[in-house]
Amino acid sequence: MNTANEFRRKAIGATFFTGFGAIWLGLSLYAQELLSTTTVTLVVVGTLSLLLGCLWTYRHADLWPEVASDPAIGRTFNRVNAAQWFAGGLVAFSLARLHLDAYIPSAITAIVGIHLFPLAKLFRRRIHTVTGVAMVLWASFTVLVVPVEHMQGITALGTGIILWASAAISLLTGIASARSRNAAAADSSLTA
């Protein structure tokens, strides 16, 4: 059963995936020296489109009942994210000190993917597991296959696409749920 809390968390999660996806895509364009008015406009339009979907989803959370929030969810979320940021900073610092800068985006992509596994369980969101697996596999692929001189740009491109795809899927499932709920409400009002 959907709740208003879950629906809002879905919208907030998609907002973060949208924002971080845009950052990764911008990094990719920069690393591949593809920054232009056209490419930046495409990223901005994509970001705004997804953010509008996030806003719509958030505003339609009222279609479902509100349930009491569990404070343990917030604490666990904060711990998982703190661990992710700490691990990302430590790995980035270590790789930079070893002059392995090209591997930093792949390492961060893997860390972000791994951090999604406990969040998937915490929020009961299968899409987070799928996204986490995709990011870990993408990070592994880039390290094993992509030439070092292209690794940063290609890794960032794939990571941004994965995050945007996850946000879009989450929003589309939310929109479908809201529409089916509205359709059911309209049907019941016609028969009453």
N, C-alpha and C. Protein backbone atom coordinates (compact mmCIF):
# COMPACT_ATOMS: atom_id res chain seq x y z
N MET A 1 0.84 -1.18 0.00
CA MET A 1 0.00 0.00 0.00
C MET A 1 0.89 1.25 0.00
N ASN A 2 0.56 2.18 -0.85
CA ASN A 2 1.29 3.44 -0.89
C ASN A 2 0.85 4.32 0.27
N THR A 3 1.80 5.08 0.81
CA THR A 3 1.48 6.09 1.81
C THR A 3 2.01 7.42 1.32
N ALA A 4 1.51 8.48 1.89
CA ALA A 4 1.99 9.82 1.53
C ALA A 4 3.48 9.93 1.82
N ASN A 5 3.92 9.33 2.92
CA ASN A 5 5.34 9.38 3.29
C ASN A 5 6.20 8.74 2.20
N GLU A 6 5.79 7.54 1.75
CA GLU A 6 6.56 6.84 0.71
C GLU A 6 6.58 7.63 -0.59
N PHE A 7 5.43 8.21 -0.92
CA PHE A 7 5.33 8.98 -2.16
C PHE A 7 6.24 10.19 -2.12
N ARG A 8 6.29 10.88 -0.97
CA ARG A 8 7.17 12.04 -0.83
C ARG A 8 8.64 11.61 -0.89
N ARG A 9 8.97 10.48 -0.21
CA ARG A 9 10.36 9.98 -0.26
C ARG A 9 10.76 9.63 -1.68
N LYS A 10 9.82 9.07 -2.45
CA LYS A 10 10.08 8.76 -3.85
C LYS A 10 10.44 10.02 -4.62
N ALA A 11 9.66 11.09 -4.40
CA ALA A 11 9.92 12.36 -5.09
C ALA A 11 11.24 12.97 -4.64
N ILE A 12 11.52 12.91 -3.35
CA ILE A 12 12.78 13.48 -2.84
C ILE A 12 13.97 12.68 -3.36
N GLY A 13 13.88 11.37 -3.36
CA GLY A 13 14.96 10.54 -3.90
C GLY A 13 15.20 10.82 -5.37
N ALA A 14 14.12 10.94 -6.13
CA ALA A 14 14.26 11.26 -7.56
C ALA A 14 14.89 12.63 -7.75
N THR A 15 14.59 13.56 -6.85
CA THR A 15 15.21 14.89 -6.92
C THR A 15 16.71 14.80 -6.74
N PHE A 16 17.16 14.01 -5.75
CA PHE A 16 18.59 13.84 -5.55
C PHE A 16 19.24 13.14 -6.74
N PHE A 17 18.60 12.09 -7.26
CA PHE A 17 19.15 11.39 -8.41
C PHE A 17 19.23 12.32 -9.62
N THR A 18 18.22 13.18 -9.78
CA THR A 18 18.23 14.14 -10.88
C THR A 18 19.39 15.12 -10.75
N GLY A 19 19.54 15.69 -9.56
CA GLY A 19 20.61 16.67 -9.34
C GLY A 19 21.99 16.07 -9.49
N PHE A 20 22.22 14.93 -8.84
CA PHE A 20 23.54 14.30 -8.95
C PHE A 20 23.77 13.77 -10.36
N GLY A 21 22.72 13.31 -11.02
CA GLY A 21 22.87 12.88 -12.42
C GLY A 21 23.31 14.03 -13.30
N ALA A 22 22.72 15.21 -13.07
CA ALA A 22 23.11 16.40 -13.84
C ALA A 22 24.57 16.77 -13.59
N ILE A 23 24.99 16.66 -12.33
CA ILE A 23 26.40 16.96 -12.01
C ILE A 23 27.32 15.99 -12.73
N TRP A 24 26.99 14.70 -12.69
CA TRP A 24 27.81 13.71 -13.39
C TRP A 24 27.84 13.96 -14.89
N LEU A 25 26.69 14.31 -15.47
CA LEU A 25 26.66 14.59 -16.91
C LEU A 25 27.48 15.83 -17.24
N GLY A 26 27.39 16.85 -16.40
CA GLY A 26 28.22 18.04 -16.61
C GLY A 26 29.70 17.72 -16.51
N LEU A 27 30.06 16.89 -15.54
CA LEU A 27 31.46 16.45 -15.40
C LEU A 27 31.91 15.70 -16.65
N SER A 28 31.02 14.86 -17.17
CA SER A 28 31.35 14.11 -18.38
C SER A 28 31.60 15.05 -19.56
N LEU A 29 30.71 16.02 -19.73
CA LEU A 29 30.90 16.96 -20.83
C LEU A 29 32.20 17.74 -20.69
N TYR A 30 32.51 18.13 -19.46
CA TYR A 30 33.76 18.86 -19.21
C TYR A 30 34.97 17.96 -19.50
N ALA A 31 34.96 16.74 -18.96
CA ALA A 31 36.10 15.84 -19.11
C ALA A 31 36.33 15.45 -20.57
N GLN A 32 35.24 15.37 -21.33
CA GLN A 32 35.38 15.00 -22.75
C GLN A 32 35.49 16.21 -23.66
N GLU A 33 35.58 17.40 -23.04
CA GLU A 33 35.68 18.65 -23.77
C GLU A 33 34.53 18.82 -24.77
N LEU A 34 33.32 18.53 -24.29
CA LEU A 34 32.12 18.63 -25.12
C LEU A 34 31.16 19.70 -24.63
N LEU A 35 31.65 20.59 -23.77
CA LEU A 35 30.80 21.67 -23.29
C LEU A 35 30.48 22.63 -24.43
N SER A 36 29.21 22.81 -24.68
CA SER A 36 28.76 23.77 -25.69
C SER A 36 27.39 24.26 -25.27
N THR A 37 26.89 25.24 -25.93
CA THR A 37 25.56 25.74 -25.62
C THR A 37 24.53 24.63 -25.77
N THR A 38 24.68 23.83 -26.80
CA THR A 38 23.72 22.75 -27.07
C THR A 38 23.76 21.69 -25.99
N THR A 39 24.95 21.21 -25.63
CA THR A 39 25.03 20.13 -24.64
C THR A 39 24.59 20.60 -23.26
N VAL A 40 24.97 21.82 -22.90
CA VAL A 40 24.56 22.35 -21.60
C VAL A 40 23.04 22.54 -21.58
N THR A 41 22.48 23.04 -22.69
CA THR A 41 21.03 23.22 -22.78
C THR A 41 20.31 21.88 -22.63
N LEU A 42 20.84 20.84 -23.24
CA LEU A 42 20.22 19.51 -23.12
C LEU A 42 20.22 19.03 -21.67
N VAL A 43 21.32 19.25 -20.97
CA VAL A 43 21.39 18.84 -19.57
C VAL A 43 20.42 19.67 -18.73
N VAL A 44 20.36 20.96 -18.98
CA VAL A 44 19.45 21.83 -18.23
C VAL A 44 18.00 21.45 -18.49
N VAL A 45 17.64 21.22 -19.75
CA VAL A 45 16.26 20.85 -20.09
C VAL A 45 15.91 19.49 -19.46
N GLY A 46 16.83 18.53 -19.54
CA GLY A 46 16.60 17.24 -18.91
C GLY A 46 16.42 17.36 -17.41
N THR A 47 17.27 18.17 -16.79
CA THR A 47 17.18 18.37 -15.35
C THR A 47 15.85 19.01 -14.97
N LEU A 48 15.47 20.07 -15.66
CA LEU A 48 14.22 20.75 -15.36
C LEU A 48 13.01 19.84 -15.59
N SER A 49 13.05 19.03 -16.63
CA SER A 49 11.95 18.10 -16.90
C SER A 49 11.78 17.11 -15.76
N LEU A 50 12.89 16.53 -15.34
CA LEU A 50 12.83 15.58 -14.23
C LEU A 50 12.40 16.26 -12.93
N LEU A 51 12.90 17.47 -12.70
CA LEU A 51 12.52 18.19 -11.48
C LEU A 51 11.03 18.54 -11.47
N LEU A 52 10.47 18.84 -12.63
CA LEU A 52 9.02 19.07 -12.70
C LEU A 52 8.26 17.80 -12.34
N GLY A 53 8.75 16.66 -12.81
CA GLY A 53 8.14 15.39 -12.43
C GLY A 53 8.26 15.13 -10.94
N CYS A 54 9.39 15.51 -10.36
CA CYS A 54 9.57 15.36 -8.90
C CYS A 54 8.57 16.22 -8.15
N LEU A 55 8.40 17.46 -8.60
CA LEU A 55 7.47 18.37 -7.95
C LEU A 55 6.04 17.84 -8.06
N TRP A 56 5.67 17.38 -9.24
CA TRP A 56 4.33 16.83 -9.44
C TRP A 56 4.11 15.64 -8.51
N THR A 57 5.07 14.74 -8.45
CA THR A 57 4.96 13.56 -7.60
C THR A 57 4.83 13.96 -6.13
N TYR A 58 5.65 14.89 -5.70
CA TYR A 58 5.61 15.34 -4.30
C TYR A 58 4.25 15.95 -3.97
N ARG A 59 3.75 16.77 -4.86
CA ARG A 59 2.48 17.46 -4.60
C ARG A 59 1.28 16.51 -4.61
N HIS A 60 1.41 15.36 -5.28
CA HIS A 60 0.31 14.39 -5.33
C HIS A 60 0.40 13.35 -4.22
N ALA A 61 1.29 13.53 -3.28
CA ALA A 61 1.40 12.58 -2.16
C ALA A 61 0.15 12.58 -1.30
N ASP A 62 -0.59 13.67 -1.35
CA ASP A 62 -1.80 13.77 -0.52
C ASP A 62 -2.90 12.81 -0.93
N LEU A 63 -2.73 12.12 -2.07
CA LEU A 63 -3.72 11.13 -2.49
C LEU A 63 -3.74 9.91 -1.57
N TRP A 64 -2.66 9.74 -0.82
CA TRP A 64 -2.53 8.56 0.03
C TRP A 64 -2.58 8.97 1.50
N PRO A 65 -2.86 7.99 2.35
CA PRO A 65 -2.91 8.32 3.79
C PRO A 65 -1.52 8.59 4.35
N GLU A 66 -1.48 9.50 5.28
CA GLU A 66 -0.23 9.83 6.00
C GLU A 66 -0.09 8.84 7.16
N VAL A 67 1.11 8.33 7.35
CA VAL A 67 1.37 7.46 8.50
C VAL A 67 2.46 8.09 9.35
N ALA A 68 2.52 7.69 10.57
CA ALA A 68 3.54 8.24 11.48
C ALA A 68 4.93 7.88 10.96
N SER A 69 5.82 8.85 11.00
CA SER A 69 7.20 8.62 10.54
C SER A 69 7.98 7.89 11.62
N ASP A 70 8.86 7.00 11.16
CA ASP A 70 9.73 6.27 12.07
C ASP A 70 11.05 7.02 12.16
N PRO A 71 11.42 7.56 13.33
CA PRO A 71 12.67 8.32 13.45
C PRO A 71 13.91 7.47 13.16
N ALA A 72 13.79 6.17 13.30
CA ALA A 72 14.93 5.29 13.02
C ALA A 72 15.30 5.33 11.54
N ILE A 73 14.32 5.57 10.68
CA ILE A 73 14.60 5.65 9.25
C ILE A 73 15.53 6.82 8.97
N GLY A 74 15.25 7.97 9.54
CA GLY A 74 16.10 9.14 9.34
C GLY A 74 17.51 8.94 9.88
N ARG A 75 17.61 8.33 11.04
CA ARG A 75 18.95 8.08 11.63
C ARG A 75 19.75 7.12 10.76
N THR A 76 19.10 6.05 10.32
CA THR A 76 19.80 5.08 9.47
C THR A 76 20.21 5.71 8.16
N PHE A 77 19.32 6.48 7.56
CA PHE A 77 19.63 7.18 6.31
C PHE A 77 20.85 8.08 6.49
N ASN A 78 20.88 8.84 7.57
CA ASN A 78 22.01 9.73 7.83
C ASN A 78 23.31 8.97 8.02
N ARG A 79 23.27 7.84 8.72
CA ARG A 79 24.48 7.03 8.92
C ARG A 79 24.99 6.47 7.60
N VAL A 80 24.08 5.94 6.78
CA VAL A 80 24.48 5.38 5.48
C VAL A 80 25.10 6.46 4.61
N ASN A 81 24.49 7.63 4.57
CA ASN A 81 25.03 8.70 3.75
C ASN A 81 26.35 9.24 4.28
N ALA A 82 26.48 9.32 5.60
CA ALA A 82 27.76 9.76 6.18
C ALA A 82 28.86 8.78 5.81
N ALA A 83 28.57 7.49 5.89
CA ALA A 83 29.56 6.47 5.52
C ALA A 83 29.94 6.59 4.05
N GLN A 84 28.94 6.85 3.19
CA GLN A 84 29.21 7.00 1.77
C GLN A 84 30.13 8.19 1.51
N TRP A 85 29.82 9.33 2.10
CA TRP A 85 30.64 10.53 1.88
C TRP A 85 32.05 10.34 2.44
N PHE A 86 32.15 9.71 3.60
CA PHE A 86 33.46 9.46 4.18
C PHE A 86 34.28 8.53 3.28
N ALA A 87 33.66 7.44 2.84
CA ALA A 87 34.36 6.49 1.96
C ALA A 87 34.76 7.15 0.64
N GLY A 88 33.85 7.94 0.07
CA GLY A 88 34.17 8.62 -1.18
C GLY A 88 35.33 9.59 -1.03
N GLY A 89 35.31 10.36 0.05
CA GLY A 89 36.41 11.30 0.30
C GLY A 89 37.73 10.60 0.53
N LEU A 90 37.69 9.53 1.32
CA LEU A 90 38.91 8.78 1.62
C LEU A 90 39.50 8.14 0.36
N VAL A 91 38.64 7.54 -0.44
CA VAL A 91 39.10 6.89 -1.67
C VAL A 91 39.62 7.93 -2.66
N ALA A 92 38.90 9.04 -2.82
CA ALA A 92 39.35 10.08 -3.75
C ALA A 92 40.70 10.65 -3.31
N PHE A 93 40.84 10.92 -2.01
CA PHE A 93 42.11 11.43 -1.49
C PHE A 93 43.23 10.42 -1.72
N SER A 94 42.97 9.16 -1.41
CA SER A 94 44.00 8.11 -1.55
C SER A 94 44.41 7.93 -3.01
N LEU A 95 43.43 7.86 -3.91
CA LEU A 95 43.77 7.69 -5.32
C LEU A 95 44.52 8.90 -5.87
N ALA A 96 44.16 10.10 -5.43
CA ALA A 96 44.88 11.30 -5.87
C ALA A 96 46.32 11.27 -5.38
N ARG A 97 46.52 10.85 -4.13
CA ARG A 97 47.88 10.77 -3.59
C ARG A 97 48.73 9.73 -4.34
N LEU A 98 48.08 8.70 -4.86
CA LEU A 98 48.77 7.66 -5.63
C LEU A 98 48.87 8.01 -7.11
N HIS A 99 48.42 9.20 -7.47
CA HIS A 99 48.43 9.67 -8.86
C HIS A 99 47.60 8.76 -9.76
N LEU A 100 46.47 8.31 -9.22
CA LEU A 100 45.53 7.48 -9.98
C LEU A 100 44.20 8.21 -10.13
N ASP A 101 44.30 9.49 -10.43
CA ASP A 101 43.13 10.36 -10.50
C ASP A 101 42.06 9.85 -11.47
N ALA A 102 42.47 9.22 -12.56
CA ALA A 102 41.52 8.76 -13.57
C ALA A 102 40.54 7.73 -13.00
N TYR A 103 40.92 7.07 -11.92
CA TYR A 103 40.06 6.03 -11.33
C TYR A 103 39.07 6.59 -10.30
N ILE A 104 39.19 7.84 -9.96
CA ILE A 104 38.33 8.41 -8.91
C ILE A 104 36.85 8.35 -9.28
N PRO A 105 36.42 8.76 -10.49
CA PRO A 105 34.99 8.66 -10.80
C PRO A 105 34.46 7.22 -10.73
N SER A 106 35.25 6.27 -11.18
CA SER A 106 34.80 4.86 -11.12
C SER A 106 34.65 4.42 -9.67
N ALA A 107 35.61 4.79 -8.83
CA ALA A 107 35.54 4.41 -7.42
C ALA A 107 34.35 5.05 -6.74
N ILE A 108 34.09 6.32 -7.02
CA ILE A 108 32.96 7.00 -6.40
C ILE A 108 31.64 6.42 -6.92
N THR A 109 31.59 6.10 -8.20
CA THR A 109 30.39 5.46 -8.74
C THR A 109 30.10 4.14 -8.02
N ALA A 110 31.14 3.34 -7.79
CA ALA A 110 30.96 2.06 -7.08
C ALA A 110 30.49 2.31 -5.64
N ILE A 111 31.08 3.28 -4.98
CA ILE A 111 30.70 3.57 -3.59
C ILE A 111 29.24 4.05 -3.52
N VAL A 112 28.86 4.92 -4.43
CA VAL A 112 27.47 5.38 -4.46
C VAL A 112 26.53 4.20 -4.72
N GLY A 113 26.92 3.34 -5.65
CA GLY A 113 26.10 2.16 -5.93
C GLY A 113 25.95 1.26 -4.72
N ILE A 114 27.05 1.03 -4.02
CA ILE A 114 27.01 0.17 -2.83
C ILE A 114 26.15 0.79 -1.74
N HIS A 115 26.19 2.10 -1.59
CA HIS A 115 25.41 2.74 -0.53
C HIS A 115 23.90 2.65 -0.80
N LEU A 116 23.53 2.37 -2.06
CA LEU A 116 22.11 2.24 -2.37
C LEU A 116 21.51 0.93 -1.86
N PHE A 117 22.34 -0.09 -1.61
CA PHE A 117 21.81 -1.38 -1.15
C PHE A 117 21.12 -1.27 0.21
N PRO A 118 21.77 -0.68 1.24
CA PRO A 118 21.04 -0.55 2.50
C PRO A 118 19.86 0.42 2.40
N LEU A 119 19.96 1.42 1.52
CA LEU A 119 18.84 2.34 1.36
C LEU A 119 17.65 1.65 0.70
N ALA A 120 17.93 0.73 -0.22
CA ALA A 120 16.85 -0.03 -0.86
C ALA A 120 16.07 -0.83 0.18
N LYS A 121 16.80 -1.42 1.10
CA LYS A 121 16.14 -2.19 2.15
C LYS A 121 15.40 -1.26 3.12
N LEU A 122 16.03 -0.17 3.47
CA LEU A 122 15.45 0.78 4.42
C LEU A 122 14.12 1.35 3.90
N PHE A 123 14.11 1.74 2.63
CA PHE A 123 12.92 2.37 2.05
C PHE A 123 12.02 1.39 1.29
N ARG A 124 12.43 0.13 1.24
CA ARG A 124 11.68 -0.89 0.48
C ARG A 124 11.48 -0.43 -0.97
N ARG A 125 12.60 -0.03 -1.60
CA ARG A 125 12.59 0.48 -2.97
C ARG A 125 13.49 -0.38 -3.84
N ARG A 126 12.88 -1.29 -4.57
CA ARG A 126 13.63 -2.21 -5.43
C ARG A 126 14.46 -1.45 -6.48
N ILE A 127 13.96 -0.30 -6.93
CA ILE A 127 14.70 0.48 -7.93
C ILE A 127 16.07 0.90 -7.40
N HIS A 128 16.21 1.09 -6.10
CA HIS A 128 17.52 1.44 -5.53
C HIS A 128 18.48 0.26 -5.67
N THR A 129 17.99 -0.96 -5.49
CA THR A 129 18.85 -2.14 -5.67
C THR A 129 19.30 -2.23 -7.12
N VAL A 130 18.36 -2.07 -8.04
CA VAL A 130 18.68 -2.13 -9.47
C VAL A 130 19.69 -1.04 -9.83
N THR A 131 19.47 0.15 -9.33
CA THR A 131 20.38 1.27 -9.60
C THR A 131 21.76 0.99 -9.01
N GLY A 132 21.80 0.48 -7.78
CA GLY A 132 23.07 0.15 -7.14
C GLY A 132 23.85 -0.89 -7.93
N VAL A 133 23.17 -1.93 -8.37
CA VAL A 133 23.83 -2.97 -9.18
C VAL A 133 24.34 -2.37 -10.48
N ALA A 134 23.51 -1.57 -11.14
CA ALA A 134 23.93 -0.95 -12.40
C ALA A 134 25.17 -0.08 -12.20
N MET A 135 25.21 0.67 -11.11
CA MET A 135 26.36 1.56 -10.87
C MET A 135 27.63 0.77 -10.56
N VAL A 136 27.51 -0.28 -9.76
CA VAL A 136 28.69 -1.10 -9.45
C VAL A 136 29.20 -1.79 -10.71
N LEU A 137 28.29 -2.32 -11.50
CA LEU A 137 28.71 -2.97 -12.76
C LEU A 137 29.32 -1.96 -13.72
N TRP A 138 28.73 -0.76 -13.80
CA TRP A 138 29.28 0.28 -14.67
C TRP A 138 30.69 0.68 -14.22
N ALA A 139 30.85 0.86 -12.92
CA ALA A 139 32.18 1.23 -12.39
C ALA A 139 33.20 0.14 -12.72
N SER A 140 32.81 -1.10 -12.55
CA SER A 140 33.72 -2.22 -12.85
C SER A 140 34.05 -2.25 -14.34
N PHE A 141 33.04 -2.07 -15.18
CA PHE A 141 33.24 -2.07 -16.62
C PHE A 141 34.22 -0.99 -17.04
N THR A 142 34.05 0.22 -16.50
CA THR A 142 34.93 1.31 -16.92
C THR A 142 36.37 1.06 -16.51
N VAL A 143 36.56 0.48 -15.34
CA VAL A 143 37.94 0.20 -14.88
C VAL A 143 38.57 -0.89 -15.75
N LEU A 144 37.79 -1.88 -16.14
CA LEU A 144 38.34 -3.02 -16.87
C LEU A 144 38.45 -2.79 -18.38
N VAL A 145 37.59 -1.94 -18.95
CA VAL A 145 37.51 -1.86 -20.41
C VAL A 145 37.88 -0.49 -20.98
N VAL A 146 37.49 0.57 -20.33
CA VAL A 146 37.68 1.91 -20.90
C VAL A 146 39.14 2.34 -20.77
N PRO A 147 39.73 2.86 -21.85
CA PRO A 147 41.10 3.36 -21.75
C PRO A 147 41.21 4.46 -20.69
N VAL A 148 42.31 4.48 -19.98
CA VAL A 148 42.51 5.40 -18.86
C VAL A 148 42.29 6.85 -19.29
N GLU A 149 42.73 7.22 -20.47
CA GLU A 149 42.61 8.61 -20.90
C GLU A 149 41.16 9.05 -21.14
N HIS A 150 40.24 8.10 -21.25
CA HIS A 150 38.82 8.42 -21.45
C HIS A 150 37.96 8.02 -20.25
N MET A 151 38.58 7.44 -19.25
CA MET A 151 37.83 6.84 -18.15
C MET A 151 36.97 7.84 -17.39
N GLN A 152 37.49 9.01 -17.06
CA GLN A 152 36.72 9.96 -16.27
C GLN A 152 35.45 10.40 -16.99
N GLY A 153 35.58 10.78 -18.24
CA GLY A 153 34.42 11.26 -19.00
C GLY A 153 33.39 10.18 -19.26
N ILE A 154 33.85 8.99 -19.62
CA ILE A 154 32.93 7.89 -19.92
C ILE A 154 32.25 7.41 -18.64
N THR A 155 33.00 7.31 -17.55
CA THR A 155 32.40 6.89 -16.28
C THR A 155 31.32 7.88 -15.85
N ALA A 156 31.64 9.17 -15.92
CA ALA A 156 30.68 10.19 -15.51
C ALA A 156 29.43 10.16 -16.38
N LEU A 157 29.59 9.95 -17.67
CA LEU A 157 28.46 9.89 -18.58
C LEU A 157 27.52 8.74 -18.18
N GLY A 158 28.06 7.56 -18.02
CA GLY A 158 27.24 6.40 -17.65
C GLY A 158 26.58 6.57 -16.29
N THR A 159 27.32 7.12 -15.34
CA THR A 159 26.77 7.32 -14.00
C THR A 159 25.60 8.31 -14.05
N GLY A 160 25.76 9.40 -14.78
CA GLY A 160 24.68 10.37 -14.91
C GLY A 160 23.45 9.77 -15.57
N ILE A 161 23.67 8.97 -16.61
CA ILE A 161 22.55 8.33 -17.30
C ILE A 161 21.83 7.35 -16.37
N ILE A 162 22.59 6.56 -15.62
CA ILE A 162 21.97 5.61 -14.68
C ILE A 162 21.13 6.35 -13.65
N LEU A 163 21.66 7.43 -13.09
CA LEU A 163 20.91 8.18 -12.08
C LEU A 163 19.65 8.80 -12.67
N TRP A 164 19.76 9.38 -13.86
CA TRP A 164 18.58 9.97 -14.50
C TRP A 164 17.56 8.89 -14.85
N ALA A 165 18.01 7.75 -15.35
CA ALA A 165 17.08 6.67 -15.69
C ALA A 165 16.35 6.19 -14.44
N SER A 166 17.07 6.06 -13.34
CA SER A 166 16.45 5.64 -12.09
C SER A 166 15.42 6.66 -11.62
N ALA A 167 15.76 7.94 -11.71
CA ALA A 167 14.81 8.99 -11.33
C ALA A 167 13.57 8.94 -12.21
N ALA A 168 13.77 8.79 -13.51
CA ALA A 168 12.64 8.76 -14.44
C ALA A 168 11.74 7.56 -14.17
N ILE A 169 12.32 6.40 -13.95
CA ILE A 169 11.52 5.21 -13.67
C ILE A 169 10.73 5.39 -12.37
N SER A 170 11.38 5.91 -11.36
CA SER A 170 10.71 6.15 -10.08
C SER A 170 9.55 7.12 -10.26
N LEU A 171 9.76 8.19 -11.01
CA LEU A 171 8.71 9.17 -11.24
C LEU A 171 7.57 8.58 -12.07
N LEU A 172 7.91 7.83 -13.09
CA LEU A 172 6.87 7.23 -13.94
C LEU A 172 6.00 6.25 -13.16
N THR A 173 6.62 5.47 -12.27
CA THR A 173 5.81 4.56 -11.46
C THR A 173 4.95 5.34 -10.48
N GLY A 174 5.46 6.43 -9.97
CA GLY A 174 4.66 7.28 -9.09
C GLY A 174 3.49 7.93 -9.81
N ILE A 175 3.75 8.42 -11.02
CA ILE A 175 2.69 9.04 -11.81
C ILE A 175 1.63 8.01 -12.17
N ALA A 176 2.06 6.80 -12.54
CA ALA A 176 1.11 5.74 -12.86
C ALA A 176 0.25 5.39 -11.65
N SER A 177 0.87 5.33 -10.47
CA SER A 177 0.11 5.04 -9.24
C SER A 177 -0.91 6.12 -8.97
N ALA A 178 -0.50 7.37 -9.14
CA ALA A 178 -1.42 8.49 -8.89
C ALA A 178 -2.57 8.48 -9.88
N ARG A 179 -2.27 8.21 -11.13
CA ARG A 179 -3.34 8.18 -12.14
C ARG A 179 -4.31 7.04 -11.90
N SER A 180 -3.80 5.87 -11.53
CA SER A 180 -4.71 4.76 -11.25
C SER A 180 -5.55 5.05 -10.02
N ARG A 181 -4.96 5.71 -9.04
CA ARG A 181 -5.72 6.09 -7.84
C ARG A 181 -6.81 7.11 -8.20
N ASN A 182 -6.47 8.08 -9.05
CA ASN A 182 -7.47 9.06 -9.49
C ASN A 182 -8.58 8.40 -10.30
N ALA A 183 -8.19 7.46 -11.17
CA ALA A 183 -9.19 6.75 -11.99
C ALA A 183 -10.12 5.94 -11.09
N ALA A 184 -9.56 5.26 -10.09
CA ALA A 184 -10.38 4.47 -9.18
C ALA A 184 -11.32 5.37 -8.39
N ALA A 185 -10.84 6.53 -7.97
CA ALA A 185 -11.68 7.48 -7.23
C ALA A 185 -12.80 7.99 -8.13
N ALA A 186 -12.50 8.27 -9.38
CA ALA A 186 -13.52 8.76 -10.31
C ALA A 186 -14.57 7.68 -10.57
N ASP A 187 -14.14 6.42 -10.73
CA ASP A 187 -15.07 5.32 -10.94
C ASP A 187 -16.00 5.13 -9.74
N SER A 188 -15.45 5.23 -8.55
CA SER A 188 -16.26 5.03 -7.35
C SER A 188 -17.25 6.18 -7.16
N SER A 189 -16.87 7.38 -7.58
CA SER A 189 -17.79 8.50 -7.44
C SER A 189 -18.93 8.40 -8.47
N LEU A 190 -18.67 7.79 -9.62
CA LEU A 190 -19.71 7.61 -10.62
C LEU A 190 -20.74 6.57 -10.19
N THR A 191 -20.27 5.55 -9.47
CA THR A 191 -21.18 4.49 -9.04
C THR A 191 -21.91 4.84 -7.76
N ALA A 192 -21.47 5.90 -7.08
CA ALA A 192 -22.12 6.26 -5.82
C ALA A 192 -23.37 7.08 -6.01
